[in-house]
């Protein structure tokens, strides 16, 4: 039996792959691409919401949003660390993000125009993220799977926080309900795009399924999201902006309209409403934080030399 066959046999037997285990180079590269893009999405995803921290309508909302943005930063750090176990260098991953070589979720290239957008992001975007990420807790690569356990627990709070904001607005004044409906109108289709291209157009899906990096296809997850979210919108008294939405009794699912894939690919290629703004903000934050990284490195080096000196004295 070849190494590749032994590797696949472990996958098929649901045995986790760990960093020191042998793995095909293509498996390693696939994971680095996916995990780093996931990390980038968490970090860039802080920007649309961070924009509203100073404008939250109450102290309670401000504290909750601060906690959520802090969680997203932590998720990014977990995931960069998971990618590093595969031999990736964090500086290289960040450089790939800044240069445009690496991608992040297309959803974060849309603007947050009102407070209702913060609710819509929590409800829809984090709801879609949970749909994507819960199966990753069973990913074949151990460090990624273990990181996702905590990430998913925290994302579930984010989703409930967003839905509660939308519920409050929907039960408020006519103006507040209209604001909630407008946010749903603008975030619905980008949220469906979060699951990636249709299965027939996804070049990575089948291999990732075989390796059990993914457990469900893009279209399967998208359908689950629609089936979960449409009843929630009905409870809110809001209308999903898709005239083709209807329950299919025979299939046991909601039918829904066609996604504008031209818009999706345009955003992925860097031409969305906020692509340039997001990368510019990330570059500035990285450059502004250079002195902190340099100070930390200098302090670490100072401690290392002191430890070595003390060890030398004890030996003598």
C-alpha atoms as a PDB file:
ATOM      1  CA  UNK A   1       0.000   0.000   0.000  1.00  0.00           C
ATOM      2  CA  UNK A   2       1.423   3.393  -0.999  1.00  0.00           C
ATOM      3  CA  UNK A   3       1.627   6.374   1.345  1.00  0.00           C
ATOM      4  CA  UNK A   4      -1.251   8.001  -0.527  1.00  0.00           C
ATOM      5  CA  UNK A   5      -3.394   4.895  -0.050  1.00  0.00           C
ATOM      6  CA  UNK A   6      -2.528   4.683   3.658  1.00  0.00           C
ATOM      7  CA  UNK A   7      -3.370   8.360   4.020  1.00  0.00           C
ATOM      8  CA  UNK A   8      -6.751   7.970   2.314  1.00  0.00           C
ATOM      9  CA  UNK A   9      -7.476   4.881   4.405  1.00  0.00           C
ATOM     10  CA  UNK A  10      -7.008   6.958   7.585  1.00  0.00           C
ATOM     11  CA  UNK A  11      -9.348   9.605   6.169  1.00  0.00           C
ATOM     12  CA  UNK A  12     -11.959   6.980   5.304  1.00  0.00           C
ATOM     13  CA  UNK A  13     -11.718   5.528   8.816  1.00  0.00           C
ATOM     14  CA  UNK A  14     -12.312   8.994  10.325  1.00  0.00           C
ATOM     15  CA  UNK A  15      -8.824   9.119  11.867  1.00  0.00           C
ATOM     16  CA  UNK A  16      -7.673  12.721  12.239  1.00  0.00           C
ATOM     17  CA  UNK A  17      -4.575  13.879  10.414  1.00  0.00           C
ATOM     18  CA  UNK A  18      -2.118  15.670  12.715  1.00  0.00           C
ATOM     19  CA  UNK A  19       0.726  18.079  11.814  1.00  0.00           C
ATOM     20  CA  UNK A  20       3.531  15.494  12.035  1.00  0.00           C
ATOM     21  CA  UNK A  21       1.641  12.878  10.023  1.00  0.00           C
ATOM     22  CA  UNK A  22       2.533  12.257   6.400  1.00  0.00           C
ATOM     23  CA  UNK A  23       0.148  13.987   4.014  1.00  0.00           C
ATOM     24  CA  UNK A  24       0.054  14.642   0.252  1.00  0.00           C
ATOM     25  CA  UNK A  25       1.434  18.035  -0.699  1.00  0.00           C
ATOM     26  CA  UNK A  26      -1.864  18.848  -2.423  1.00  0.00           C
ATOM     27  CA  UNK A  27      -3.732  18.195   0.867  1.00  0.00           C
ATOM     28  CA  UNK A  28      -1.354  20.514   2.704  1.00  0.00           C
ATOM     29  CA  UNK A  29      -1.700  23.267   0.088  1.00  0.00           C
ATOM     30  CA  UNK A  30      -5.487  22.940   0.014  1.00  0.00           C
ATOM     31  CA  UNK A  31      -5.672  23.342   3.781  1.00  0.00           C
ATOM     32  CA  UNK A  32      -3.288  26.299   3.833  1.00  0.00           C
ATOM     33  CA  UNK A  33      -5.374  28.026   1.154  1.00  0.00           C
ATOM     34  CA  UNK A  34      -8.670  27.338   2.925  1.00  0.00           C
ATOM     35  CA  UNK A  35      -7.547  28.040   6.493  1.00  0.00           C
ATOM     36  CA  UNK A  36      -5.647  31.215   5.588  1.00  0.00           C
ATOM     37  CA  UNK A  37      -8.604  32.538   3.587  1.00  0.00           C
ATOM     38  CA  UNK A  38     -10.830  31.724   6.554  1.00  0.00           C
ATOM     39  CA  UNK A  39      -8.449  33.630   8.848  1.00  0.00           C
ATOM     40  CA  UNK A  40      -8.349  36.599   6.460  1.00  0.00           C
ATOM     41  CA  UNK A  41     -12.163  36.640   6.420  1.00  0.00           C
ATOM     42  CA  UNK A  42     -12.329  36.824  10.213  1.00  0.00           C
ATOM     43  CA  UNK A  43      -9.837  39.687  10.325  1.00  0.00           C
ATOM     44  CA  UNK A  44     -11.301  41.697   7.431  1.00  0.00           C
ATOM     45  CA  UNK A  45     -14.760  40.930   8.797  1.00  0.00           C
ATOM     46  CA  UNK A  46     -13.996  43.100  11.820  1.00  0.00           C
ATOM     47  CA  UNK A  47     -13.992  46.217   9.633  1.00  0.00           C
ATOM     48  CA  UNK A  48     -17.679  46.593   8.607  1.00  0.00           C
ATOM     49  CA  UNK A  49     -18.802  46.144  12.216  1.00  0.00           C
ATOM     50  CA  UNK A  50     -15.971  48.029  13.893  1.00  0.00           C
ATOM     51  CA  UNK A  51     -17.184  51.024  11.941  1.00  0.00           C
ATOM     52  CA  UNK A  52     -20.343  51.051  14.113  1.00  0.00           C
ATOM     53  CA  UNK A  53     -18.837  50.651  17.592  1.00  0.00           C
ATOM     54  CA  UNK A  54     -18.805  54.398  18.267  1.00  0.00           C
ATOM     55  CA  UNK A  55     -22.325  54.791  16.832  1.00  0.00           C
ATOM     56  CA  UNK A  56     -24.102  51.906  18.582  1.00  0.00           C
ATOM     57  CA  UNK A  57     -27.508  53.118  19.848  1.00  0.00           C
ATOM     58  CA  UNK A  58     -26.953  52.158  23.503  1.00  0.00           C
ATOM     59  CA  UNK A  59     -24.231  51.159  25.933  1.00  0.00           C
ATOM     60  CA  UNK A  60     -25.543  47.573  25.900  1.00  0.00           C
ATOM     61  CA  UNK A  61     -25.274  47.399  22.123  1.00  0.00           C
ATOM     62  CA  UNK A  62     -21.813  48.961  22.207  1.00  0.00           C
ATOM     63  CA  UNK A  63     -20.478  46.421  24.721  1.00  0.00           C
ATOM     64  CA  UNK A  64     -21.978  43.506  22.771  1.00  0.00           C
ATOM     65  CA  UNK A  65     -20.515  44.732  19.482  1.00  0.00           C
ATOM     66  CA  UNK A  66     -17.092  45.294  21.076  1.00  0.00           C
ATOM     67  CA  UNK A  67     -17.163  41.724  22.372  1.00  0.00           C
ATOM     68  CA  UNK A  68     -18.147  40.399  18.971  1.00  0.00           C
ATOM     69  CA  UNK A  69     -15.373  42.232  17.124  1.00  0.00           C
ATOM     70  CA  UNK A  70     -12.903  40.987  19.734  1.00  0.00           C
ATOM     71  CA  UNK A  71     -14.137  37.429  19.122  1.00  0.00           C
ATOM     72  CA  UNK A  72     -13.540  37.795  15.384  1.00  0.00           C
ATOM     73  CA  UNK A  73      -9.955  38.900  16.031  1.00  0.00           C
ATOM     74  CA  UNK A  74      -9.458  35.823  18.184  1.00  0.00           C
ATOM     75  CA  UNK A  75     -10.889  33.574  15.470  1.00  0.00           C
ATOM     76  CA  UNK A  76      -8.392  34.970  13.001  1.00  0.00           C
ATOM     77  CA  UNK A  77      -5.508  34.253  15.378  1.00  0.00           C
ATOM     78  CA  UNK A  78      -6.674  30.664  16.021  1.00  0.00           C
ATOM     79  CA  UNK A  79      -6.846  30.060  12.291  1.00  0.00           C
ATOM     80  CA  UNK A  80      -3.487  31.626  11.428  1.00  0.00           C
ATOM     81  CA  UNK A  81      -2.007  29.375  14.122  1.00  0.00           C
ATOM     82  CA  UNK A  82      -3.719  26.326  12.601  1.00  0.00           C
ATOM     83  CA  UNK A  83      -2.277  27.206   9.180  1.00  0.00           C
ATOM     84  CA  UNK A  84       1.187  27.571  10.727  1.00  0.00           C
ATOM     85  CA  UNK A  85       1.054  23.920  11.844  1.00  0.00           C
ATOM     86  CA  UNK A  86       1.104  23.077   8.117  1.00  0.00           C
ATOM     87  CA  UNK A  87       4.338  25.001   7.577  1.00  0.00           C
ATOM     88  CA  UNK A  88       2.820  28.298   6.444  1.00  0.00           C
ATOM     89  CA  UNK A  89       4.451  31.522   7.658  1.00  0.00           C
ATOM     90  CA  UNK A  90       2.093  34.114   9.092  1.00  0.00           C
ATOM     91  CA  UNK A  91       3.979  37.006   7.493  1.00  0.00           C
ATOM     92  CA  UNK A  92       3.625  35.319   4.099  1.00  0.00           C
ATOM     93  CA  UNK A  93      -0.114  34.812   4.592  1.00  0.00           C
ATOM     94  CA  UNK A  94      -0.613  38.443   5.551  1.00  0.00           C
ATOM     95  CA  UNK A  95       1.475  39.608   2.597  1.00  0.00           C
ATOM     96  CA  UNK A  96      -0.675  37.483   0.280  1.00  0.00           C
ATOM     97  CA  UNK A  97      -3.763  39.184   1.701  1.00  0.00           C
ATOM     98  CA  UNK A  98      -2.335  42.672   1.262  1.00  0.00           C
ATOM     99  CA  UNK A  99      -1.129  41.975  -2.279  1.00  0.00           C
ATOM    100  CA  UNK A 100      -4.475  40.555  -3.385  1.00  0.00           C
ATOM    101  CA  UNK A 101      -3.043  37.098  -4.019  1.00  0.00           C
ATOM    102  CA  UNK A 102      -5.119  35.583  -1.195  1.00  0.00           C
ATOM    103  CA  UNK A 103      -8.887  36.017  -1.044  1.00  0.00           C
ATOM    104  CA  UNK A 104     -11.349  36.423   1.785  1.00  0.00           C
ATOM    105  CA  UNK A 105     -15.123  36.090   1.928  1.00  0.00           C
ATOM    106  CA  UNK A 106     -16.822  38.292  -0.671  1.00  0.00           C
ATOM    107  CA  UNK A 107     -19.471  39.323   1.889  1.00  0.00           C
ATOM    108  CA  UNK A 108     -17.121  41.716   3.660  1.00  0.00           C
ATOM    109  CA  UNK A 109     -16.802  43.945   0.615  1.00  0.00           C
ATOM    110  CA  UNK A 110     -20.260  45.435   1.132  1.00  0.00           C
ATOM    111  CA  UNK A 111     -20.863  48.619   3.166  1.00  0.00           C
ATOM    112  CA  UNK A 112     -22.723  48.850   6.486  1.00  0.00           C
ATOM    113  CA  UNK A 113     -25.021  51.806   5.854  1.00  0.00           C
ATOM    114  CA  UNK A 114     -27.269  51.683   8.940  1.00  0.00           C
ATOM    115  CA  UNK A 115     -27.398  50.099  12.387  1.00  0.00           C
ATOM    116  CA  UNK A 116     -29.777  47.484  10.957  1.00  0.00           C
ATOM    117  CA  UNK A 117     -26.872  46.215   8.851  1.00  0.00           C
ATOM    118  CA  UNK A 118     -25.167  45.094  12.076  1.00  0.00           C
ATOM    119  CA  UNK A 119     -28.249  43.035  12.858  1.00  0.00           C
ATOM    120  CA  UNK A 120     -28.380  41.632   9.330  1.00  0.00           C
ATOM    121  CA  UNK A 121     -24.705  40.667   9.460  1.00  0.00           C
ATOM    122  CA  UNK A 122     -25.190  38.816  12.742  1.00  0.00           C
ATOM    123  CA  UNK A 123     -28.340  37.084  11.580  1.00  0.00           C
ATOM    124  CA  UNK A 124     -27.495  36.319   7.952  1.00  0.00           C
ATOM    125  CA  UNK A 125     -23.704  36.452   7.596  1.00  0.00           C
ATOM    126  CA  UNK A 126     -22.906  34.721  10.868  1.00  0.00           C
ATOM    127  CA  UNK A 127     -25.814  32.366  10.257  1.00  0.00           C
ATOM    128  CA  UNK A 128     -24.277  31.389   6.909  1.00  0.00           C
ATOM    129  CA  UNK A 129     -20.869  31.107   8.591  1.00  0.00           C
ATOM    130  CA  UNK A 130     -22.262  28.696  11.183  1.00  0.00           C
ATOM    131  CA  UNK A 131     -23.811  26.604   8.420  1.00  0.00           C
ATOM    132  CA  UNK A 132     -20.388  26.438   6.770  1.00  0.00           C
ATOM    133  CA  UNK A 133     -18.317  25.993   9.897  1.00  0.00           C
ATOM    134  CA  UNK A 134     -20.133  23.464  12.082  1.00  0.00           C
ATOM    135  CA  UNK A 135     -19.215  20.633   9.652  1.00  0.00           C
ATOM    136  CA  UNK A 136     -15.594  21.834   9.863  1.00  0.00           C
ATOM    137  CA  UNK A 137     -15.562  20.658  13.486  1.00  0.00           C
ATOM    138  CA  UNK A 138     -15.381  17.204  11.869  1.00  0.00           C
ATOM    139  CA  UNK A 139     -12.685  18.196   9.376  1.00  0.00           C
ATOM    140  CA  UNK A 140     -10.051  15.528   8.785  1.00  0.00           C
ATOM    141  CA  UNK A 141      -7.231  17.877   9.851  1.00  0.00           C
ATOM    142  CA  UNK A 142      -7.025  17.949  13.645  1.00  0.00           C
ATOM    143  CA  UNK A 143      -5.835  21.513  14.423  1.00  0.00           C
ATOM    144  CA  UNK A 144      -8.450  23.040  12.103  1.00  0.00           C
ATOM    145  CA  UNK A 145     -11.263  20.894  13.502  1.00  0.00           C
ATOM    146  CA  UNK A 146     -10.353  21.703  17.104  1.00  0.00           C
ATOM    147  CA  UNK A 147     -10.096  25.436  16.436  1.00  0.00           C
ATOM    148  CA  UNK A 148     -13.564  25.401  14.891  1.00  0.00           C
ATOM    149  CA  UNK A 149     -15.212  24.053  18.050  1.00  0.00           C
ATOM    150  CA  UNK A 150     -14.669  27.301  19.937  1.00  0.00           C
ATOM    151  CA  UNK A 151     -15.229  29.450  16.841  1.00  0.00           C
ATOM    152  CA  UNK A 152     -18.655  27.895  16.249  1.00  0.00           C
ATOM    153  CA  UNK A 153     -19.723  28.340  19.868  1.00  0.00           C
ATOM    154  CA  UNK A 154     -18.907  32.035  19.688  1.00  0.00           C
ATOM    155  CA  UNK A 155     -20.482  32.452  16.252  1.00  0.00           C
ATOM    156  CA  UNK A 156     -23.747  31.085  17.619  1.00  0.00           C
ATOM    157  CA  UNK A 157     -23.839  34.003  20.086  1.00  0.00           C
ATOM    158  CA  UNK A 158     -23.131  36.429  17.236  1.00  0.00           C
ATOM    159  CA  UNK A 159     -26.009  35.027  15.202  1.00  0.00           C
ATOM    160  CA  UNK A 160     -28.429  35.349  18.119  1.00  0.00           C
ATOM    161  CA  UNK A 161     -27.205  38.875  18.823  1.00  0.00           C
ATOM    162  CA  UNK A 162     -27.886  39.878  15.214  1.00  0.00           C
ATOM    163  CA  UNK A 163     -31.320  38.274  15.146  1.00  0.00           C
ATOM    164  CA  UNK A 164     -32.257  40.038  18.391  1.00  0.00           C
ATOM    165  CA  UNK A 165     -31.292  43.381  16.834  1.00  0.00           C
ATOM    166  CA  UNK A 166     -33.467  42.625  13.799  1.00  0.00           C
ATOM    167  CA  UNK A 167     -36.357  41.525  16.033  1.00  0.00           C
ATOM    168  CA  UNK A 168     -36.161  44.728  18.048  1.00  0.00           C
ATOM    169  CA  UNK A 169     -36.196  46.837  14.882  1.00  0.00           C
ATOM    170  CA  UNK A 170     -38.973  44.799  13.275  1.00  0.00           C
ATOM    171  CA  UNK A 171     -41.179  45.331  16.353  1.00  0.00           C
ATOM    172  CA  UNK A 172     -40.313  49.020  16.570  1.00  0.00           C
ATOM    173  CA  UNK A 173     -41.560  52.026  14.624  1.00  0.00           C
ATOM    174  CA  UNK A 174     -42.426  51.895  10.950  1.00  0.00           C
ATOM    175  CA  UNK A 175     -39.154  53.622  10.233  1.00  0.00           C
ATOM    176  CA  UNK A 176     -37.201  51.024  12.224  1.00  0.00           C
ATOM    177  CA  UNK A 177     -38.978  48.134  10.501  1.00  0.00           C
ATOM    178  CA  UNK A 178     -38.265  49.716   7.122  1.00  0.00           C
ATOM    179  CA  UNK A 179     -34.600  49.967   8.110  1.00  0.00           C
ATOM    180  CA  UNK A 180     -34.569  46.243   8.973  1.00  0.00           C
ATOM    181  CA  UNK A 181     -36.249  45.358   5.669  1.00  0.00           C
ATOM    182  CA  UNK A 182     -33.757  47.484   3.730  1.00  0.00           C
ATOM    183  CA  UNK A 183     -30.851  45.699   5.423  1.00  0.00           C
ATOM    184  CA  UNK A 184     -32.368  42.299   4.580  1.00  0.00           C
ATOM    185  CA  UNK A 185     -32.833  43.418   0.972  1.00  0.00           C
ATOM    186  CA  UNK A 186     -29.160  44.340   0.638  1.00  0.00           C
ATOM    187  CA  UNK A 187     -27.585  41.413   2.549  1.00  0.00           C
ATOM    188  CA  UNK A 188     -29.728  38.472   1.420  1.00  0.00           C
ATOM    189  CA  UNK A 189     -28.097  37.735  -1.932  1.00  0.00           C
ATOM    190  CA  UNK A 190     -24.502  38.389  -0.814  1.00  0.00           C
ATOM    191  CA  UNK A 191     -25.168  35.969   2.069  1.00  0.00           C
ATOM    192  CA  UNK A 192     -26.184  33.232  -0.389  1.00  0.00           C
ATOM    193  CA  UNK A 193     -22.993  33.935  -2.343  1.00  0.00           C
ATOM    194  CA  UNK A 194     -20.935  33.257   0.799  1.00  0.00           C
ATOM    195  CA  UNK A 195     -21.216  29.518   0.195  1.00  0.00           C
ATOM    196  CA  UNK A 196     -19.178  29.846  -2.975  1.00  0.00           C
ATOM    197  CA  UNK A 197     -19.958  28.989  -6.599  1.00  0.00           C
ATOM    198  CA  UNK A 198     -22.404  26.296  -7.666  1.00  0.00           C
ATOM    199  CA  UNK A 199     -21.011  22.795  -7.315  1.00  0.00           C
ATOM    200  CA  UNK A 200     -20.574  22.404 -11.069  1.00  0.00           C
ATOM    201  CA  UNK A 201     -18.326  25.494 -11.099  1.00  0.00           C
ATOM    202  CA  UNK A 202     -16.346  24.729  -7.934  1.00  0.00           C
ATOM    203  CA  UNK A 203     -12.978  23.213  -8.797  1.00  0.00           C
ATOM    204  CA  UNK A 204     -12.029  22.374  -5.203  1.00  0.00           C
ATOM    205  CA  UNK A 205     -15.230  20.851  -3.808  1.00  0.00           C
ATOM    206  CA  UNK A 206     -14.932  17.220  -4.892  1.00  0.00           C
ATOM    207  CA  UNK A 207     -11.336  16.781  -3.765  1.00  0.00           C
ATOM    208  CA  UNK A 208     -12.082  18.466  -0.438  1.00  0.00           C
ATOM    209  CA  UNK A 209     -15.051  16.126   0.008  1.00  0.00           C
ATOM    210  CA  UNK A 210     -12.869  13.081  -0.720  1.00  0.00           C
ATOM    211  CA  UNK A 211     -10.344  14.263   1.864  1.00  0.00           C
ATOM    212  CA  UNK A 212     -13.168  15.093   4.301  1.00  0.00           C
ATOM    213  CA  UNK A 213     -11.981  18.639   4.663  1.00  0.00           C
ATOM    214  CA  UNK A 214     -15.531  19.507   3.628  1.00  0.00           C
ATOM    215  CA  UNK A 215     -18.527  17.372   4.571  1.00  0.00           C
ATOM    216  CA  UNK A 216     -21.161  19.056   2.396  1.00  0.00           C
ATOM    217  CA  UNK A 217     -21.081  20.755  -0.990  1.00  0.00           C
ATOM    218  CA  UNK A 218     -21.621  24.473  -1.527  1.00  0.00           C
ATOM    219  CA  UNK A 219     -25.127  23.933  -2.912  1.00  0.00           C
ATOM    220  CA  UNK A 220     -26.131  21.620  -0.056  1.00  0.00           C
ATOM    221  CA  UNK A 221     -25.089  24.184   2.543  1.00  0.00           C
ATOM    222  CA  UNK A 222     -26.752  27.029   0.650  1.00  0.00           C
ATOM    223  CA  UNK A 223     -30.032  25.091   0.551  1.00  0.00           C
ATOM    224  CA  UNK A 224     -29.842  24.389   4.279  1.00  0.00           C
ATOM    225  CA  UNK A 225     -29.302  28.084   4.937  1.00  0.00           C
ATOM    226  CA  UNK A 226     -32.342  29.094   2.870  1.00  0.00           C
ATOM    227  CA  UNK A 227     -34.510  26.465   4.575  1.00  0.00           C
ATOM    228  CA  UNK A 228     -33.438  27.729   8.004  1.00  0.00           C
ATOM    229  CA  UNK A 229     -33.624  31.457   7.307  1.00  0.00           C
ATOM    230  CA  UNK A 230     -36.877  31.943   5.397  1.00  0.00           C
ATOM    231  CA  UNK A 231     -39.068  30.938   8.390  1.00  0.00           C
ATOM    232  CA  UNK A 232     -37.016  33.275  10.599  1.00  0.00           C
ATOM    233  CA  UNK A 233     -37.720  36.165   8.228  1.00  0.00           C
ATOM    234  CA  UNK A 234     -41.419  35.310   8.303  1.00  0.00           C
ATOM    235  CA  UNK A 235     -41.380  35.408  12.104  1.00  0.00           C
ATOM    236  CA  UNK A 236     -39.794  38.861  11.946  1.00  0.00           C
ATOM    237  CA  UNK A 237     -42.530  40.007   9.590  1.00  0.00           C
ATOM    238  CA  UNK A 238     -39.939  40.791   6.924  1.00  0.00           C
ATOM    239  CA  UNK A 239     -39.954  39.778   3.262  1.00  0.00           C
ATOM    240  CA  UNK A 240     -37.078  37.870   1.690  1.00  0.00           C
ATOM    241  CA  UNK A 241     -36.151  39.850  -1.465  1.00  0.00           C
ATOM    242  CA  UNK A 242     -36.695  36.924  -3.829  1.00  0.00           C
ATOM    243  CA  UNK A 243     -40.025  36.600  -5.674  1.00  0.00           C
ATOM    244  CA  UNK A 244     -39.170  32.990  -6.520  1.00  0.00           C
ATOM    245  CA  UNK A 245     -39.051  31.839  -2.896  1.00  0.00           C
ATOM    246  CA  UNK A 246     -41.670  29.163  -2.314  1.00  0.00           C
ATOM    247  CA  UNK A 247     -41.971  25.929  -0.365  1.00  0.00           C
ATOM    248  CA  UNK A 248     -41.538  22.823  -2.502  1.00  0.00           C
ATOM    249  CA  UNK A 249     -43.646  20.157  -0.818  1.00  0.00           C
ATOM    250  CA  UNK A 250     -42.295  17.368  -2.969  1.00  0.00           C
ATOM    251  CA  UNK A 251     -38.627  18.211  -2.321  1.00  0.00           C
ATOM    252  CA  UNK A 252     -39.119  19.304   1.287  1.00  0.00           C
ATOM    253  CA  UNK A 253     -37.096  22.484   0.631  1.00  0.00           C
ATOM    254  CA  UNK A 254     -37.606  26.084  -0.394  1.00  0.00           C
ATOM    255  CA  UNK A 255     -37.084  26.872  -4.055  1.00  0.00           C
ATOM    256  CA  UNK A 256     -35.234  30.138  -4.598  1.00  0.00           C
ATOM    257  CA  UNK A 257     -34.195  32.370  -7.477  1.00  0.00           C
ATOM    258  CA  UNK A 258     -31.000  32.570  -9.467  1.00  0.00           C
ATOM    259  CA  UNK A 259     -27.937  34.140  -7.892  1.00  0.00           C
ATOM    260  CA  UNK A 260     -26.165  36.904  -9.788  1.00  0.00           C
ATOM    261  CA  UNK A 261     -22.858  35.111 -10.255  1.00  0.00           C
ATOM    262  CA  UNK A 262     -21.498  37.951 -12.348  1.00  0.00           C
ATOM    263  CA  UNK A 263     -21.687  40.160  -9.256  1.00  0.00           C
ATOM    264  CA  UNK A 264     -20.065  37.441  -7.135  1.00  0.00           C
ATOM    265  CA  UNK A 265     -17.057  37.000  -9.416  1.00  0.00           C
ATOM    266  CA  UNK A 266     -16.723  40.745  -9.852  1.00  0.00           C
ATOM    267  CA  UNK A 267     -16.419  41.161  -6.073  1.00  0.00           C
ATOM    268  CA  UNK A 268     -14.039  38.196  -5.767  1.00  0.00           C
ATOM    269  CA  UNK A 269     -11.792  39.778  -8.413  1.00  0.00           C
ATOM    270  CA  UNK A 270     -11.506  42.931  -6.316  1.00  0.00           C
ATOM    271  CA  UNK A 271     -14.164  45.132  -7.883  1.00  0.00           C
ATOM    272  CA  UNK A 272     -16.792  45.142  -5.127  1.00  0.00           C
ATOM    273  CA  UNK A 273     -18.098  48.265  -3.368  1.00  0.00           C
ATOM    274  CA  UNK A 274     -15.489  48.151  -0.578  1.00  0.00           C
ATOM    275  CA  UNK A 275     -12.625  45.882  -1.751  1.00  0.00           C
ATOM    276  CA  UNK A 276     -10.035  48.638  -2.034  1.00  0.00           C
ATOM    277  CA  UNK A 277     -11.213  50.278   1.184  1.00  0.00           C
ATOM    278  CA  UNK A 278     -10.935  47.033   3.157  1.00  0.00           C
ATOM    279  CA  UNK A 279      -7.403  46.211   1.987  1.00  0.00           C
ATOM    280  CA  UNK A 280      -6.284  49.808   2.500  1.00  0.00           C
ATOM    281  CA  UNK A 281      -7.576  49.661   6.098  1.00  0.00           C
ATOM    282  CA  UNK A 282      -5.806  46.355   6.752  1.00  0.00           C
ATOM    283  CA  UNK A 283      -2.500  47.629   5.327  1.00  0.00           C
ATOM    284  CA  UNK A 284      -2.702  50.768   7.439  1.00  0.00           C
ATOM    285  CA  UNK A 285      -3.418  48.770  10.593  1.00  0.00           C
ATOM    286  CA  UNK A 286      -0.490  46.468   9.841  1.00  0.00           C
ATOM    287  CA  UNK A 287       1.893  49.346   9.180  1.00  0.00           C
ATOM    288  CA  UNK A 288       0.715  51.298  12.227  1.00  0.00           C
ATOM    289  CA  UNK A 289       1.291  48.232  14.398  1.00  0.00           C
ATOM    290  CA  UNK A 290       4.851  47.634  13.189  1.00  0.00           C
ATOM    291  CA  UNK A 291       6.371  49.282  16.288  1.00  0.00           C
ATOM    292  CA  UNK A 292       4.393  46.923  18.567  1.00  0.00           C
ATOM    293  CA  UNK A 293       5.696  43.847  16.735  1.00  0.00           C
ATOM    294  CA  UNK A 294       9.233  45.201  16.760  1.00  0.00           C
ATOM    295  CA  UNK A 295       9.038  45.996  20.485  1.00  0.00           C
ATOM    296  CA  UNK A 296       7.718  42.507  21.240  1.00  0.00           C
ATOM    297  CA  UNK A 297      10.523  40.907  19.232  1.00  0.00           C
ATOM    298  CA  UNK A 298      13.133  43.067  20.956  1.00  0.00           C
ATOM    299  CA  UNK A 299      11.743  42.186  24.388  1.00  0.00           C
ATOM    300  CA  UNK A 300      11.698  38.472  23.511  1.00  0.00           C
ATOM    301  CA  UNK A 301      15.318  38.673  22.370  1.00  0.00           C
ATOM    302  CA  UNK A 302      16.291  40.504  25.554  1.00  0.00           C
ATOM    303  CA  UNK A 303      14.656  37.799  27.693  1.00  0.00           C
ATOM    304  CA  UNK A 304      16.364  35.063  25.676  1.00  0.00           C
ATOM    305  CA  UNK A 305      19.794  36.588  26.213  1.00  0.00           C
ATOM    306  CA  UNK A 306      19.121  37.074  29.920  1.00  0.00           C
ATOM    307  CA  UNK A 307      18.011  33.446  30.260  1.00  0.00           C
ATOM    308  CA  UNK A 308      21.112  32.249  28.455  1.00  0.00           C
ATOM    309  CA  UNK A 309      23.325  34.408  30.661  1.00  0.00           C
ATOM    310  CA  UNK A 310      21.695  33.123  33.831  1.00  0.00           C
ATOM    311  CA  UNK A 311      22.020  29.531  32.594  1.00  0.00           C
ATOM    312  CA  UNK A 312      25.718  30.145  31.897  1.00  0.00           C
ATOM    313  CA  UNK A 313      26.262  31.462  35.401  1.00  0.00           C
ATOM    314  CA  UNK A 314      24.540  28.442  36.965  1.00  0.00           C
ATOM    315  CA  UNK A 315      26.606  26.022  34.867  1.00  0.00           C
ATOM    316  CA  UNK A 316      29.823  27.811  35.861  1.00  0.00           C
END
